[in-house]
Amino acid sequence: MRVSLESVIFAFRDGLSPETIAAECFPALTLEQVYGAIAFYLGNRPALDAYLRQMEADDAAFQQAMHDPQFSQKMARERRLLAAA
């Protein structure tokens, strides 16, 4: 099982201890792997925080687009065109 660095960082930023992250959130990871991920995050915090903010912004924009009636109509039109081809 693969666990993303982002998942470990979010759990850590939510206040969970490395022991809790390893034991309860991601039992596929060893405690050493969790500490390694946290150490990497802390050593590269400005860049990773910027990356996570961008991910969250992209996700919010995608969620907003999915609820936009014009976007839904455009996607339906494109699906019909692809099906007719």
Protein backbone atom coordinates (compact mmCIF):
# COMPACT_ATOMS: atom_id res chain seq x y z
CA MET A 1 0.00 0.00 0.00
CA ARG A 2 1.29 3.44 -0.90
CA VAL A 3 0.79 6.36 1.43
CA SER A 4 1.40 9.85 0.12
CA LEU A 5 3.66 12.31 1.86
CA GLU A 6 0.72 14.71 1.84
CA SER A 7 -1.37 12.27 3.88
CA VAL A 8 1.28 12.03 6.58
CA ILE A 9 1.78 15.81 6.59
CA PHE A 10 -1.94 16.50 6.94
CA ALA A 11 -2.19 14.07 9.86
CA PHE A 12 0.86 15.66 11.50
CA ARG A 13 -0.50 19.18 10.96
CA ASP A 14 -3.79 18.05 12.49
CA GLY A 15 -1.87 17.39 15.68
CA LEU A 16 -1.50 13.62 15.55
CA SER A 17 1.66 12.14 17.00
CA PRO A 18 3.98 10.07 14.81
CA GLU A 19 3.01 7.02 16.88
CA THR A 20 -0.69 7.59 16.22
CA ILE A 21 -0.08 8.22 12.53
CA ALA A 22 1.83 4.96 12.20
CA ALA A 23 -0.43 2.83 14.39
CA GLU A 24 -3.90 4.15 13.61
CA CYS A 25 -3.85 6.13 10.39
CA PHE A 26 -1.34 4.31 8.22
CA PRO A 27 -0.42 0.92 9.71
CA ALA A 28 1.39 0.06 6.46
CA LEU A 29 4.08 2.57 7.47
CA THR A 30 6.73 1.95 10.06
CA LEU A 31 7.29 4.49 12.79
CA GLU A 32 10.67 5.23 11.21
CA GLN A 33 8.98 6.03 7.87
CA VAL A 34 6.53 8.39 9.57
CA TYR A 35 9.36 10.16 11.41
CA GLY A 36 11.25 10.37 8.12
CA ALA A 37 8.29 11.96 6.36
CA ILE A 38 7.84 14.46 9.18
CA ALA A 39 11.57 15.27 9.22
CA PHE A 40 11.47 15.84 5.45
CA TYR A 41 8.44 18.09 5.86
CA LEU A 42 10.04 20.12 8.65
CA GLY A 43 13.26 20.48 6.66
CA ASN A 44 11.38 21.70 3.58
CA ARG A 45 8.40 23.34 5.21
CA PRO A 46 8.10 26.56 3.15
CA ALA A 47 8.15 24.73 -0.18
CA LEU A 48 5.85 21.93 0.99
CA ASP A 49 3.38 24.34 2.59
CA ALA A 50 3.23 26.27 -0.70
CA TYR A 51 2.71 23.00 -2.60
CA LEU A 52 -0.10 21.94 -0.23
CA ARG A 53 -1.79 25.35 -0.51
CA GLN A 54 -1.70 25.03 -4.30
CA MET A 55 -3.15 21.50 -4.09
CA GLU A 56 -5.97 22.74 -1.87
CA ALA A 57 -6.67 25.68 -4.21
CA ASP A 58 -6.71 23.38 -7.24
CA ASP A 59 -9.09 21.02 -5.45
CA ALA A 60 -11.40 23.89 -4.46
CA ALA A 61 -11.45 25.18 -8.05
CA PHE A 62 -12.22 21.69 -9.36
CA GLN A 63 -15.04 21.25 -6.83
CA GLN A 64 -16.48 24.62 -7.80
CA ALA A 65 -16.28 23.79 -11.52
CA MET A 66 -18.06 20.49 -10.94
CA HIS A 67 -21.03 22.37 -9.45
CA ASP A 68 -21.13 25.00 -12.19
CA PRO A 69 -24.15 24.38 -14.45
CA GLN A 70 -22.34 25.75 -17.52
CA PHE A 71 -19.43 23.38 -16.90
CA SER A 72 -21.82 20.43 -16.55
CA GLN A 73 -23.59 21.38 -19.78
CA LYS A 74 -20.28 21.70 -21.63
CA MET A 75 -19.12 18.30 -20.37
CA ALA A 76 -22.43 16.68 -21.43
CA ARG A 77 -22.12 18.27 -24.88
CA GLU A 78 -18.54 16.97 -25.22
CA ARG A 79 -19.60 13.46 -24.17
CA ARG A 80 -22.33 13.48 -26.81
CA LEU A 81 -19.85 14.60 -29.46
CA LEU A 82 -17.40 11.85 -28.48
CA ALA A 83 -20.14 9.23 -28.50
CA ALA A 84 -21.29 10.33 -31.97
CA ALA A 85 -17.77 10.12 -33.40
